[in-house]
Amino acid sequence: MTDGNEIVPAPSPGGSEESATGARAKWQKMMTDLEQERDELRVRLHLARKEAHDELDKLDERIAELRTRAHAARGEADEAMDDIGDAARDLWSEIREGFQRVRKSFSD
């Protein structure tokens, strides 16, 4: 009995009914083995896709963490640059005042 999609080889001419039955059984076993292997590969593929998806999700989290850290570092760097700028302005003022004292000493 076939379901319409099943391919069953015809018995060879001059062969007995027994050899045709054996050939059908071998054919059915081959088809069953192929379908089972296909199904196993589909399951493995599904699991691999799930693992890859999970890995991408983890990487997305790491990228977000990196973005947050970079933003925070940029803020800290801006703050540090402000501090450096303030210190440089203070130093510049001190140097100018020093120059003025030197100039003043010439005029005395």
PDB file of N, CA and C in Angstrom:
ATOM      1  N   MET A   1       0.842  -1.165   0.000  1.00  0.00           N
ATOM      2  CA  MET A   1       0.000   0.000   0.000  1.00  0.00           C
ATOM      3  C   MET A   1       0.893   1.235   0.000  1.00  0.00           C
ATOM      4  N   THR A   2       0.586   2.203  -0.830  1.00  0.00           N
ATOM      5  CA  THR A   2       1.388   3.424  -0.876  1.00  0.00           C
ATOM      6  C   THR A   2       0.487   4.608  -0.634  1.00  0.00           C
ATOM      7  N   ASP A   3       1.127   5.745  -0.208  1.00  0.00           N
ATOM      8  CA  ASP A   3       0.338   6.941   0.070  1.00  0.00           C
ATOM      9  C   ASP A   3       0.323   7.902  -1.111  1.00  0.00           C
ATOM     10  N   GLY A   4       0.823   7.504  -2.244  1.00  0.00           N
ATOM     11  CA  GLY A   4       0.824   8.343  -3.424  1.00  0.00           C
ATOM     12  C   GLY A   4       2.149   9.073  -3.576  1.00  0.00           C
ATOM     13  N   ASN A   5       2.854   9.340  -2.485  1.00  0.00           N
ATOM     14  CA  ASN A   5       4.159   9.997  -2.532  1.00  0.00           C
ATOM     15  C   ASN A   5       5.294   9.001  -2.427  1.00  0.00           C
ATOM     16  N   GLU A   6       4.947   7.795  -2.062  1.00  0.00           N
ATOM     17  CA  GLU A   6       5.945   6.764  -1.842  1.00  0.00           C
ATOM     18  C   GLU A   6       6.332   6.147  -3.175  1.00  0.00           C
ATOM     19  N   ILE A   7       7.635   6.009  -3.378  1.00  0.00           N
ATOM     20  CA  ILE A   7       8.114   5.410  -4.626  1.00  0.00           C
ATOM     21  C   ILE A   7       8.531   3.989  -4.318  1.00  0.00           C
ATOM     22  N   VAL A   8       7.917   3.084  -5.000  1.00  0.00           N
ATOM     23  CA  VAL A   8       8.223   1.674  -4.800  1.00  0.00           C
ATOM     24  C   VAL A   8       8.714   1.124  -6.119  1.00  0.00           C
ATOM     25  N   PRO A   9       9.938   0.597  -6.134  1.00  0.00           N
ATOM     26  CA  PRO A   9      10.454   0.075  -7.399  1.00  0.00           C
ATOM     27  C   PRO A   9       9.648  -1.139  -7.864  1.00  0.00           C
ATOM     28  N   ALA A  10       9.504  -1.218  -9.131  1.00  0.00           N
ATOM     29  CA  ALA A  10       8.773  -2.348  -9.722  1.00  0.00           C
ATOM     30  C   ALA A  10       9.646  -3.592  -9.633  1.00  0.00           C
ATOM     31  N   PRO A  11       9.038  -4.731  -9.475  1.00  0.00           N
ATOM     32  CA  PRO A  11       9.842  -5.963  -9.432  1.00  0.00           C
ATOM     33  C   PRO A  11      10.524  -6.172 -10.778  1.00  0.00           C
ATOM     34  N   SER A  12      11.700  -6.760 -10.711  1.00  0.00           N
ATOM     35  CA  SER A  12      12.438  -7.001 -11.947  1.00  0.00           C
ATOM     36  C   SER A  12      11.740  -8.091 -12.746  1.00  0.00           C
ATOM     37  N   PRO A  13      11.831  -7.976 -14.063  1.00  0.00           N
ATOM     38  CA  PRO A  13      11.168  -8.992 -14.899  1.00  0.00           C
ATOM     39  C   PRO A  13      11.717 -10.382 -14.589  1.00  0.00           C
ATOM     40  N   GLY A  14      10.833 -11.292 -14.472  1.00  0.00           N
ATOM     41  CA  GLY A  14      11.222 -12.679 -14.217  1.00  0.00           C
ATOM     42  C   GLY A  14      11.545 -12.922 -12.754  1.00  0.00           C
ATOM     43  N   GLY A  15      11.413 -11.899 -11.908  1.00  0.00           N
ATOM     44  CA  GLY A  15      11.724 -12.064 -10.489  1.00  0.00           C
ATOM     45  C   GLY A  15      10.514 -12.596  -9.763  1.00  0.00           C
ATOM     46  N   SER A  16      10.747 -13.118  -8.629  1.00  0.00           N
ATOM     47  CA  SER A  16       9.643 -13.672  -7.854  1.00  0.00           C
ATOM     48  C   SER A  16       9.001 -12.605  -7.001  1.00  0.00           C
ATOM     49  N   GLU A  17       7.831 -12.921  -6.491  1.00  0.00           N
ATOM     50  CA  GLU A  17       7.104 -12.004  -5.598  1.00  0.00           C
ATOM     51  C   GLU A  17       7.911 -11.782  -4.332  1.00  0.00           C
ATOM     52  N   GLU A  18       8.648 -12.814  -3.898  1.00  0.00           N
ATOM     53  CA  GLU A  18       9.445 -12.700  -2.688  1.00  0.00           C
ATOM     54  C   GLU A  18      10.564 -11.679  -2.857  1.00  0.00           C
ATOM     55  N   SER A  19      11.235 -11.662  -4.008  1.00  0.00           N
ATOM     56  CA  SER A  19      12.316 -10.697  -4.223  1.00  0.00           C
ATOM     57  C   SER A  19      11.744  -9.286  -4.364  1.00  0.00           C
ATOM     58  N   ALA A  20      10.528  -9.154  -4.910  1.00  0.00           N
ATOM     59  CA  ALA A  20       9.885  -7.843  -5.006  1.00  0.00           C
ATOM     60  C   ALA A  20       9.543  -7.339  -3.607  1.00  0.00           C
ATOM     61  N   THR A  21       9.093  -8.202  -2.735  1.00  0.00           N
ATOM     62  CA  THR A  21       8.769  -7.825  -1.369  1.00  0.00           C
ATOM     63  C   THR A  21      10.039  -7.409  -0.636  1.00  0.00           C
ATOM     64  N   GLY A  22      11.123  -8.121  -0.854  1.00  0.00           N
ATOM     65  CA  GLY A  22      12.409  -7.775  -0.237  1.00  0.00           C
ATOM     66  C   GLY A  22      12.915  -6.428  -0.739  1.00  0.00           C
ATOM     67  N   ALA A  23      12.727  -6.189  -2.035  1.00  0.00           N
ATOM     68  CA  ALA A  23      13.164  -4.917  -2.620  1.00  0.00           C
ATOM     69  C   ALA A  23      12.337  -3.776  -2.036  1.00  0.00           C
ATOM     70  N   ARG A  24      11.020  -3.997  -1.902  1.00  0.00           N
ATOM     71  CA  ARG A  24      10.165  -2.964  -1.306  1.00  0.00           C
ATOM     72  C   ARG A  24      10.585  -2.668   0.130  1.00  0.00           C
ATOM     73  N   ALA A  25      10.884  -3.714   0.873  1.00  0.00           N
ATOM     74  CA  ALA A  25      11.291  -3.544   2.268  1.00  0.00           C
ATOM     75  C   ALA A  25      12.611  -2.770   2.348  1.00  0.00           C
ATOM     76  N   LYS A  26      13.566  -3.087   1.482  1.00  0.00           N
ATOM     77  CA  LYS A  26      14.833  -2.358   1.456  1.00  0.00           C
ATOM     78  C   LYS A  26      14.589  -0.889   1.098  1.00  0.00           C
ATOM     79  N   TRP A  27      13.749  -0.680   0.098  1.00  0.00           N
ATOM     80  CA  TRP A  27      13.426   0.690  -0.340  1.00  0.00           C
ATOM     81  C   TRP A  27      12.787   1.474   0.811  1.00  0.00           C
ATOM     82  N   GLN A  28      11.830   0.838   1.473  1.00  0.00           N
ATOM     83  CA  GLN A  28      11.167   1.492   2.594  1.00  0.00           C
ATOM     84  C   GLN A  28      12.163   1.822   3.693  1.00  0.00           C
ATOM     85  N   LYS A  29      13.091   0.908   3.983  1.00  0.00           N
ATOM     86  CA  LYS A  29      14.101   1.154   5.007  1.00  0.00           C
ATOM     87  C   LYS A  29      14.992   2.311   4.606  1.00  0.00           C
ATOM     88  N   MET A  30      15.422   2.353   3.341  1.00  0.00           N
ATOM     89  CA  MET A  30      16.256   3.457   2.876  1.00  0.00           C
ATOM     90  C   MET A  30      15.511   4.784   3.020  1.00  0.00           C
ATOM     91  N   MET A  31      14.240   4.807   2.612  1.00  0.00           N
ATOM     92  CA  MET A  31      13.454   6.033   2.703  1.00  0.00           C
ATOM     93  C   MET A  31      13.261   6.442   4.162  1.00  0.00           C
ATOM     94  N   THR A  32      12.972   5.483   5.019  1.00  0.00           N
ATOM     95  CA  THR A  32      12.789   5.775   6.441  1.00  0.00           C
ATOM     96  C   THR A  32      14.076   6.321   7.042  1.00  0.00           C
ATOM     97  N   ASP A  33      15.214   5.702   6.693  1.00  0.00           N
ATOM     98  CA  ASP A  33      16.508   6.167   7.199  1.00  0.00           C
ATOM     99  C   ASP A  33      16.803   7.601   6.725  1.00  0.00           C
ATOM    100  N   LEU A  34      16.537   7.877   5.441  1.00  0.00           N
ATOM    101  CA  LEU A  34      16.769   9.225   4.909  1.00  0.00           C
ATOM    102  C   LEU A  34      15.874  10.257   5.588  1.00  0.00           C
ATOM    103  N   GLU A  35      14.607   9.901   5.762  1.00  0.00           N
ATOM    104  CA  GLU A  35      13.677  10.831   6.410  1.00  0.00           C
ATOM    105  C   GLU A  35      14.067  11.068   7.868  1.00  0.00           C
ATOM    106  N   GLN A  36      14.502  10.020   8.549  1.00  0.00           N
ATOM    107  CA  GLN A  36      14.931  10.167   9.938  1.00  0.00           C
ATOM    108  C   GLN A  36      16.168  11.069  10.015  1.00  0.00           C
ATOM    109  N   GLU A  37      17.121  10.854   9.127  1.00  0.00           N
ATOM    110  CA  GLU A  37      18.323  11.676   9.117  1.00  0.00           C
ATOM    111  C   GLU A  37      17.967  13.135   8.814  1.00  0.00           C
ATOM    112  N   ARG A  38      17.073  13.335   7.850  1.00  0.00           N
ATOM    113  CA  ARG A  38      16.609  14.689   7.521  1.00  0.00           C
ATOM    114  C   ARG A  38      15.980  15.347   8.733  1.00  0.00           C
ATOM    115  N   ASP A  39      15.112  14.604   9.429  1.00  0.00           N
ATOM    116  CA  ASP A  39      14.443  15.153  10.611  1.00  0.00           C
ATOM    117  C   ASP A  39      15.450  15.499  11.709  1.00  0.00           C
ATOM    118  N   GLU A  40      16.449  14.643  11.901  1.00  0.00           N
ATOM    119  CA  GLU A  40      17.479  14.916  12.900  1.00  0.00           C
ATOM    120  C   GLU A  40      18.261  16.170  12.531  1.00  0.00           C
ATOM    121  N   LEU A  41      18.572  16.325  11.244  1.00  0.00           N
ATOM    122  CA  LEU A  41      19.289  17.519  10.796  1.00  0.00           C
ATOM    123  C   LEU A  41      18.443  18.776  10.991  1.00  0.00           C
ATOM    124  N   ARG A  42      17.154  18.670  10.761  1.00  0.00           N
ATOM    125  CA  ARG A  42      16.274  19.823  10.991  1.00  0.00           C
ATOM    126  C   ARG A  42      16.271  20.231  12.461  1.00  0.00           C
ATOM    127  N   VAL A  43      16.248  19.238  13.338  1.00  0.00           N
ATOM    128  CA  VAL A  43      16.280  19.530  14.775  1.00  0.00           C
ATOM    129  C   VAL A  43      17.605  20.196  15.125  1.00  0.00           C
ATOM    130  N   ARG A  44      18.717  19.643  14.619  1.00  0.00           N
ATOM    131  CA  ARG A  44      20.033  20.222  14.901  1.00  0.00           C
ATOM    132  C   ARG A  44      20.135  21.634  14.330  1.00  0.00           C
ATOM    133  N   LEU A  45      19.583  21.844  13.155  1.00  0.00           N
ATOM    134  CA  LEU A  45      19.592  23.166  12.543  1.00  0.00           C
ATOM    135  C   LEU A  45      18.792  24.145  13.396  1.00  0.00           C
ATOM    136  N   HIS A  46      17.642  23.695  13.859  1.00  0.00           N
ATOM    137  CA  HIS A  46      16.810  24.547  14.716  1.00  0.00           C
ATOM    138  C   HIS A  46      17.571  24.911  15.993  1.00  0.00           C
ATOM    139  N   LEU A  47      18.226  23.926  16.599  1.00  0.00           N
ATOM    140  CA  LEU A  47      18.994  24.184  17.818  1.00  0.00           C
ATOM    141  C   LEU A  47      20.171  25.115  17.534  1.00  0.00           C
ATOM    142  N   ALA A  48      20.833  24.899  16.397  1.00  0.00           N
ATOM    143  CA  ALA A  48      21.963  25.765  16.037  1.00  0.00           C
ATOM    144  C   ALA A  48      21.487  27.193  15.829  1.00  0.00           C
ATOM    145  N   ARG A  49      20.352  27.361  15.179  1.00  0.00           N
ATOM    146  CA  ARG A  49      19.797  28.704  14.985  1.00  0.00           C
ATOM    147  C   ARG A  49      19.474  29.339  16.334  1.00  0.00           C
ATOM    148  N   LYS A  50      18.913  28.549  17.232  1.00  0.00           N
ATOM    149  CA  LYS A  50      18.577  29.052  18.571  1.00  0.00           C
ATOM    150  C   LYS A  50      19.849  29.473  19.294  1.00  0.00           C
ATOM    151  N   GLU A  51      20.891  28.645  19.216  1.00  0.00           N
ATOM    152  CA  GLU A  51      22.162  28.981  19.858  1.00  0.00           C
ATOM    153  C   GLU A  51      22.755  30.244  19.239  1.00  0.00           C
ATOM    154  N   ALA A  52      22.710  30.345  17.914  1.00  0.00           N
ATOM    155  CA  ALA A  52      23.240  31.534  17.239  1.00  0.00           C
ATOM    156  C   ALA A  52      22.435  32.770  17.639  1.00  0.00           C
ATOM    157  N   HIS A  53      21.132  32.609  17.723  1.00  0.00           N
ATOM    158  CA  HIS A  53      20.265  33.723  18.135  1.00  0.00           C
ATOM    159  C   HIS A  53      20.598  34.145  19.565  1.00  0.00           C
ATOM    160  N   ASP A  54      20.771  33.178  20.455  1.00  0.00           N
ATOM    161  CA  ASP A  54      21.130  33.469  21.846  1.00  0.00           C
ATOM    162  C   ASP A  54      22.477  34.187  21.907  1.00  0.00           C
ATOM    163  N   GLU A  55      23.421  33.723  21.098  1.00  0.00           N
ATOM    164  CA  GLU A  55      24.749  34.352  21.076  1.00  0.00           C
ATOM    165  C   GLU A  55      24.650  35.794  20.582  1.00  0.00           C
ATOM    166  N   LEU A  56      23.839  36.033  19.556  1.00  0.00           N
ATOM    167  CA  LEU A  56      23.648  37.399  19.068  1.00  0.00           C
ATOM    168  C   LEU A  56      22.989  38.271  20.126  1.00  0.00           C
ATOM    169  N   ASP A  57      22.052  37.713  20.866  1.00  0.00           N
ATOM    170  CA  ASP A  57      21.427  38.469  21.954  1.00  0.00           C
ATOM    171  C   ASP A  57      22.465  38.882  22.995  1.00  0.00           C
ATOM    172  N   LYS A  58      23.367  37.952  23.339  1.00  0.00           N
ATOM    173  CA  LYS A  58      24.428  38.262  24.293  1.00  0.00           C
ATOM    174  C   LYS A  58      25.345  39.356  23.738  1.00  0.00           C
ATOM    175  N   LEU A  59      25.650  39.255  22.446  1.00  0.00           N
ATOM    176  CA  LEU A  59      26.509  40.263  21.831  1.00  0.00           C
ATOM    177  C   LEU A  59      25.818  41.619  21.796  1.00  0.00           C
ATOM    178  N   ASP A  60      24.514  41.629  21.564  1.00  0.00           N
ATOM    179  CA  ASP A  60      23.760  42.886  21.606  1.00  0.00           C
ATOM    180  C   ASP A  60      23.873  43.530  22.984  1.00  0.00           C
ATOM    181  N   GLU A  61      23.786  42.710  24.027  1.00  0.00           N
ATOM    182  CA  GLU A  61      23.928  43.224  25.391  1.00  0.00           C
ATOM    183  C   GLU A  61      25.322  43.806  25.607  1.00  0.00           C
ATOM    184  N   ARG A  62      26.347  43.134  25.085  1.00  0.00           N
ATOM    185  CA  ARG A  62      27.719  43.622  25.228  1.00  0.00           C
ATOM    186  C   ARG A  62      27.917  44.938  24.473  1.00  0.00           C
ATOM    187  N   ILE A  63      27.298  45.046  23.294  1.00  0.00           N
ATOM    188  CA  ILE A  63      27.393  46.285  22.525  1.00  0.00           C
ATOM    189  C   ILE A  63      26.731  47.420  23.294  1.00  0.00           C
ATOM    190  N   ALA A  64      25.584  47.170  23.868  1.00  0.00           N
ATOM    191  CA  ALA A  64      24.896  48.192  24.662  1.00  0.00           C
ATOM    192  C   ALA A  64      25.753  48.593  25.857  1.00  0.00           C
ATOM    193  N   GLU A  65      26.388  47.610  26.491  1.00  0.00           N
ATOM    194  CA  GLU A  65      27.274  47.901  27.619  1.00  0.00           C
ATOM    195  C   GLU A  65      28.456  48.758  27.168  1.00  0.00           C
ATOM    196  N   LEU A  66      29.024  48.413  26.020  1.00  0.00           N
ATOM    197  CA  LEU A  66      30.146  49.184  25.485  1.00  0.00           C
ATOM    198  C   LEU A  66      29.710  50.615  25.185  1.00  0.00           C
ATOM    199  N   ARG A  67      28.534  50.767  24.583  1.00  0.00           N
ATOM    200  CA  ARG A  67      28.013  52.099  24.271  1.00  0.00           C
ATOM    201  C   ARG A  67      27.837  52.916  25.560  1.00  0.00           C
ATOM    202  N   THR A  68      27.294  52.293  26.595  1.00  0.00           N
ATOM    203  CA  THR A  68      27.090  52.975  27.876  1.00  0.00           C
ATOM    204  C   THR A  68      28.428  53.393  28.475  1.00  0.00           C
ATOM    205  N   ARG A  69      29.384  52.474  28.453  1.00  0.00           N
ATOM    206  CA  ARG A  69      30.708  52.785  29.010  1.00  0.00           C
ATOM    207  C   ARG A  69      31.389  53.897  28.211  1.00  0.00           C
ATOM    208  N   ALA A  70      31.276  53.849  26.888  1.00  0.00           N
ATOM    209  CA  ALA A  70      31.898  54.878  26.051  1.00  0.00           C
ATOM    210  C   ALA A  70      31.266  56.236  26.338  1.00  0.00           C
ATOM    211  N   HIS A  71      29.951  56.251  26.503  1.00  0.00           N
ATOM    212  CA  HIS A  71      29.256  57.500  26.802  1.00  0.00           C
ATOM    213  C   HIS A  71      29.719  58.045  28.158  1.00  0.00           C
ATOM    214  N   ALA A  72      29.824  57.157  29.139  1.00  0.00           N
ATOM    215  CA  ALA A  72      30.273  57.575  30.470  1.00  0.00           C
ATOM    216  C   ALA A  72      31.718  58.077  30.403  1.00  0.00           C
ATOM    217  N   ALA A  73      32.562  57.367  29.663  1.00  0.00           N
ATOM    218  CA  ALA A  73      33.968  57.773  29.544  1.00  0.00           C
ATOM    219  C   ALA A  73      34.070  59.121  28.844  1.00  0.00           C
ATOM    220  N   ARG A  74      33.234  59.326  27.843  1.00  0.00           N
ATOM    221  CA  ARG A  74      33.236  60.604  27.138  1.00  0.00           C
ATOM    222  C   ARG A  74      32.866  61.713  28.111  1.00  0.00           C
ATOM    223  N   GLY A  75      31.868  61.461  28.959  1.00  0.00           N
ATOM    224  CA  GLY A  75      31.489  62.446  29.969  1.00  0.00           C
ATOM    225  C   GLY A  75      32.624  62.702  30.942  1.00  0.00           C
ATOM    226  N   GLU A  76      33.292  61.612  31.363  1.00  0.00           N
ATOM    227  CA  GLU A  76      34.433  61.756  32.269  1.00  0.00           C
ATOM    228  C   GLU A  76      35.571  62.486  31.580  1.00  0.00           C
ATOM    229  N   ALA A  77      35.795  62.196  30.308  1.00  0.00           N
ATOM    230  CA  ALA A  77      36.860  62.864  29.558  1.00  0.00           C
ATOM    231  C   ALA A  77      36.537  64.346  29.416  1.00  0.00           C
ATOM    232  N   ASP A  78      35.265  64.660  29.139  1.00  0.00           N
ATOM    233  CA  ASP A  78      34.862  66.067  29.050  1.00  0.00           C
ATOM    234  C   ASP A  78      35.119  66.764  30.378  1.00  0.00           C
ATOM    235  N   GLU A  79      34.777  66.082  31.467  1.00  0.00           N
ATOM    236  CA  GLU A  79      34.998  66.631  32.804  1.00  0.00           C
ATOM    237  C   GLU A  79      36.487  66.822  33.048  1.00  0.00           C
ATOM    238  N   ALA A  80      37.288  65.825  32.664  1.00  0.00           N
ATOM    239  CA  ALA A  80      38.734  65.912  32.840  1.00  0.00           C
ATOM    240  C   ALA A  80      39.290  67.053  31.994  1.00  0.00           C
ATOM    241  N   MET A  81      38.788  67.194  30.766  1.00  0.00           N
ATOM    242  CA  MET A  81      39.246  68.287  29.906  1.00  0.00           C
ATOM    243  C   MET A  81      38.886  69.632  30.523  1.00  0.00           C
ATOM    244  N   ASP A  82      37.712  69.721  31.120  1.00  0.00           N
ATOM    245  CA  ASP A  82      37.336  70.965  31.810  1.00  0.00           C
ATOM    246  C   ASP A  82      38.308  71.254  32.938  1.00  0.00           C
ATOM    247  N   ASP A  83      38.648  70.201  33.716  1.00  0.00           N
ATOM    248  CA  ASP A  83      39.600  70.369  34.817  1.00  0.00           C
ATOM    249  C   ASP A  83      40.967  70.799  34.288  1.00  0.00           C
ATOM    250  N   ILE A  84      41.394  70.153  33.203  1.00  0.00           N
ATOM    251  CA  ILE A  84      42.688  70.508  32.603  1.00  0.00           C
ATOM    252  C   ILE A  84      42.643  71.943  32.080  1.00  0.00           C
ATOM    253  N   GLY A  85      41.532  72.307  31.453  1.00  0.00           N
ATOM    254  CA  GLY A  85      41.376  73.678  30.955  1.00  0.00           C
ATOM    255  C   GLY A  85      41.433  74.693  32.090  1.00  0.00           C
ATOM    256  N   ASP A  86      40.742  74.381  33.176  1.00  0.00           N
ATOM    257  CA  ASP A  86      40.765  75.279  34.344  1.00  0.00           C
ATOM    258  C   ASP A  86      42.186  75.405  34.886  1.00  0.00           C
ATOM    259  N   ALA A  87      42.872  74.283  35.003  1.00  0.00           N
ATOM    260  CA  ALA A  87      44.242  74.296  35.517  1.00  0.00           C
ATOM    261  C   ALA A  87      45.157  75.082  34.572  1.00  0.00           C
ATOM    262  N   ALA A  88      44.971  74.910  33.262  1.00  0.00           N
ATOM    263  CA  ALA A  88      45.794  75.630  32.284  1.00  0.00           C
ATOM    264  C   ALA A  88      45.541  77.137  32.381  1.00  0.00           C
ATOM    265  N   ARG A  89      44.271  77.528  32.527  1.00  0.00           N
ATOM    266  CA  ARG A  89      43.948  78.955  32.669  1.00  0.00           C
ATOM    267  C   ARG A  89      44.575  79.529  33.941  1.00  0.00           C
ATOM    268  N   ASP A  90      44.517  78.754  35.020  1.00  0.00           N
ATOM    269  CA  ASP A  90      45.128  79.200  36.268  1.00  0.00           C
ATOM    270  C   ASP A  90      46.639  79.371  36.088  1.00  0.00           C
ATOM    271  N   LEU A  91      47.258  78.382  35.440  1.00  0.00           N
ATOM    272  CA  LEU A  91      48.700  78.444  35.202  1.00  0.00           C
ATOM    273  C   LEU A  91      49.042  79.634  34.307  1.00  0.00           C
ATOM    274  N   TRP A  92      48.239  79.855  33.281  1.00  0.00           N
ATOM    275  CA  TRP A  92      48.443  80.992  32.372  1.00  0.00           C
ATOM    276  C   TRP A  92      48.380  82.303  33.152  1.00  0.00           C
ATOM    277  N   SER A  93      47.381  82.396  34.039  1.00  0.00           N
ATOM    278  CA  SER A  93      47.250  83.612  34.865  1.00  0.00           C
ATOM    279  C   SER A  93      48.472  83.802  35.753  1.00  0.00           C
ATOM    280  N   GLU A  94      48.930  82.712  36.358  1.00  0.00           N
ATOM    281  CA  GLU A  94      50.110  82.803  37.229  1.00  0.00           C
ATOM    282  C   GLU A  94      51.326  83.257  36.430  1.00  0.00           C
ATOM    283  N   ILE A  95      51.505  82.733  35.247  1.00  0.00           N
ATOM    284  CA  ILE A  95      52.649  83.094  34.404  1.00  0.00           C
ATOM    285  C   ILE A  95      52.560  84.570  34.008  1.00  0.00           C
ATOM    286  N   ARG A  96      51.345  85.010  33.606  1.00  0.00           N
ATOM    287  CA  ARG A  96      51.165  86.427  33.248  1.00  0.00           C
ATOM    288  C   ARG A  96      51.501  87.330  34.429  1.00  0.00           C
ATOM    289  N   GLU A  97      51.002  86.921  35.588  1.00  0.00           N
ATOM    290  CA  GLU A  97      51.304  87.713  36.778  1.00  0.00           C
ATOM    291  C   GLU A  97      52.810  87.739  37.042  1.00  0.00           C
ATOM    292  N   GLY A  98      53.455  86.599  36.802  1.00  0.00           N
ATOM    293  CA  GLY A  98      54.920  86.538  36.954  1.00  0.00           C
ATOM    294  C   GLY A  98      55.603  87.467  35.971  1.00  0.00           C
ATOM    295  N   PHE A  99      55.149  87.487  34.731  1.00  0.00           N
ATOM    296  CA  PHE A  99      55.722  88.397  33.739  1.00  0.00           C
ATOM    297  C   PHE A  99      55.533  89.849  34.183  1.00  0.00           C
ATOM    298  N   GLN A 100      54.349  90.137  34.715  1.00  0.00           N
ATOM    299  CA  GLN A 100      54.083  91.500  35.177  1.00  0.00           C
ATOM    300  C   GLN A 100      55.030  91.882  36.321  1.00  0.00           C
ATOM    301  N   ARG A 101      55.297  90.930  37.209  1.00  0.00           N
ATOM    302  CA  ARG A 101      56.229  91.212  38.308  1.00  0.00           C
ATOM    303  C   ARG A 101      57.634  91.478  37.761  1.00  0.00           C
ATOM    304  N   VAL A 102      58.011  90.678  36.727  1.00  0.00           N
ATOM    305  CA  VAL A 102      59.334  90.882  36.118  1.00  0.00           C
ATOM    306  C   VAL A 102      59.378  92.256  35.465  1.00  0.00           C
ATOM    307  N   ARG A 103      58.344  92.622  34.735  1.00  0.00           N
ATOM    308  CA  ARG A 103      58.298  93.947  34.094  1.00  0.00           C
ATOM    309  C   ARG A 103      58.377  95.061  35.148  1.00  0.00           C
ATOM    310  N   LYS A 104      57.646  94.850  36.216  1.00  0.00           N
ATOM    311  CA  LYS A 104      57.599  95.857  37.290  1.00  0.00           C
ATOM    312  C   LYS A 104      58.992  96.060  37.899  1.00  0.00           C
ATOM    313  N   SER A 105      59.743  94.926  37.972  1.00  0.00           N
ATOM    314  CA  SER A 105      61.078  95.038  38.552  1.00  0.00           C
ATOM    315  C   SER A 105      62.002  95.862  37.659  1.00  0.00           C
ATOM    316  N   PHE A 106      61.711  95.923  36.370  1.00  0.00           N
ATOM    317  CA  PHE A 106      62.517  96.732  35.466  1.00  0.00           C
ATOM    318  C   PHE A 106      62.240  98.208  35.667  1.00  0.00           C
ATOM    319  N   SER A 107      61.037  98.515  36.004  1.00  0.00           N
ATOM    320  CA  SER A 107      60.654  99.911  36.129  1.00  0.00           C
ATOM    321  C   SER A 107      61.041 100.494  37.472  1.00  0.00           C
ATOM    322  N   ASP A 108      61.388  99.702  38.416  1.00  0.00           N
ATOM    323  CA  ASP A 108      61.761 100.227  39.742  1.00  0.00           C
ATOM    324  C   ASP A 108      63.134 100.756  39.770  1.00  0.00           C
TER     325      ASP A 108
END
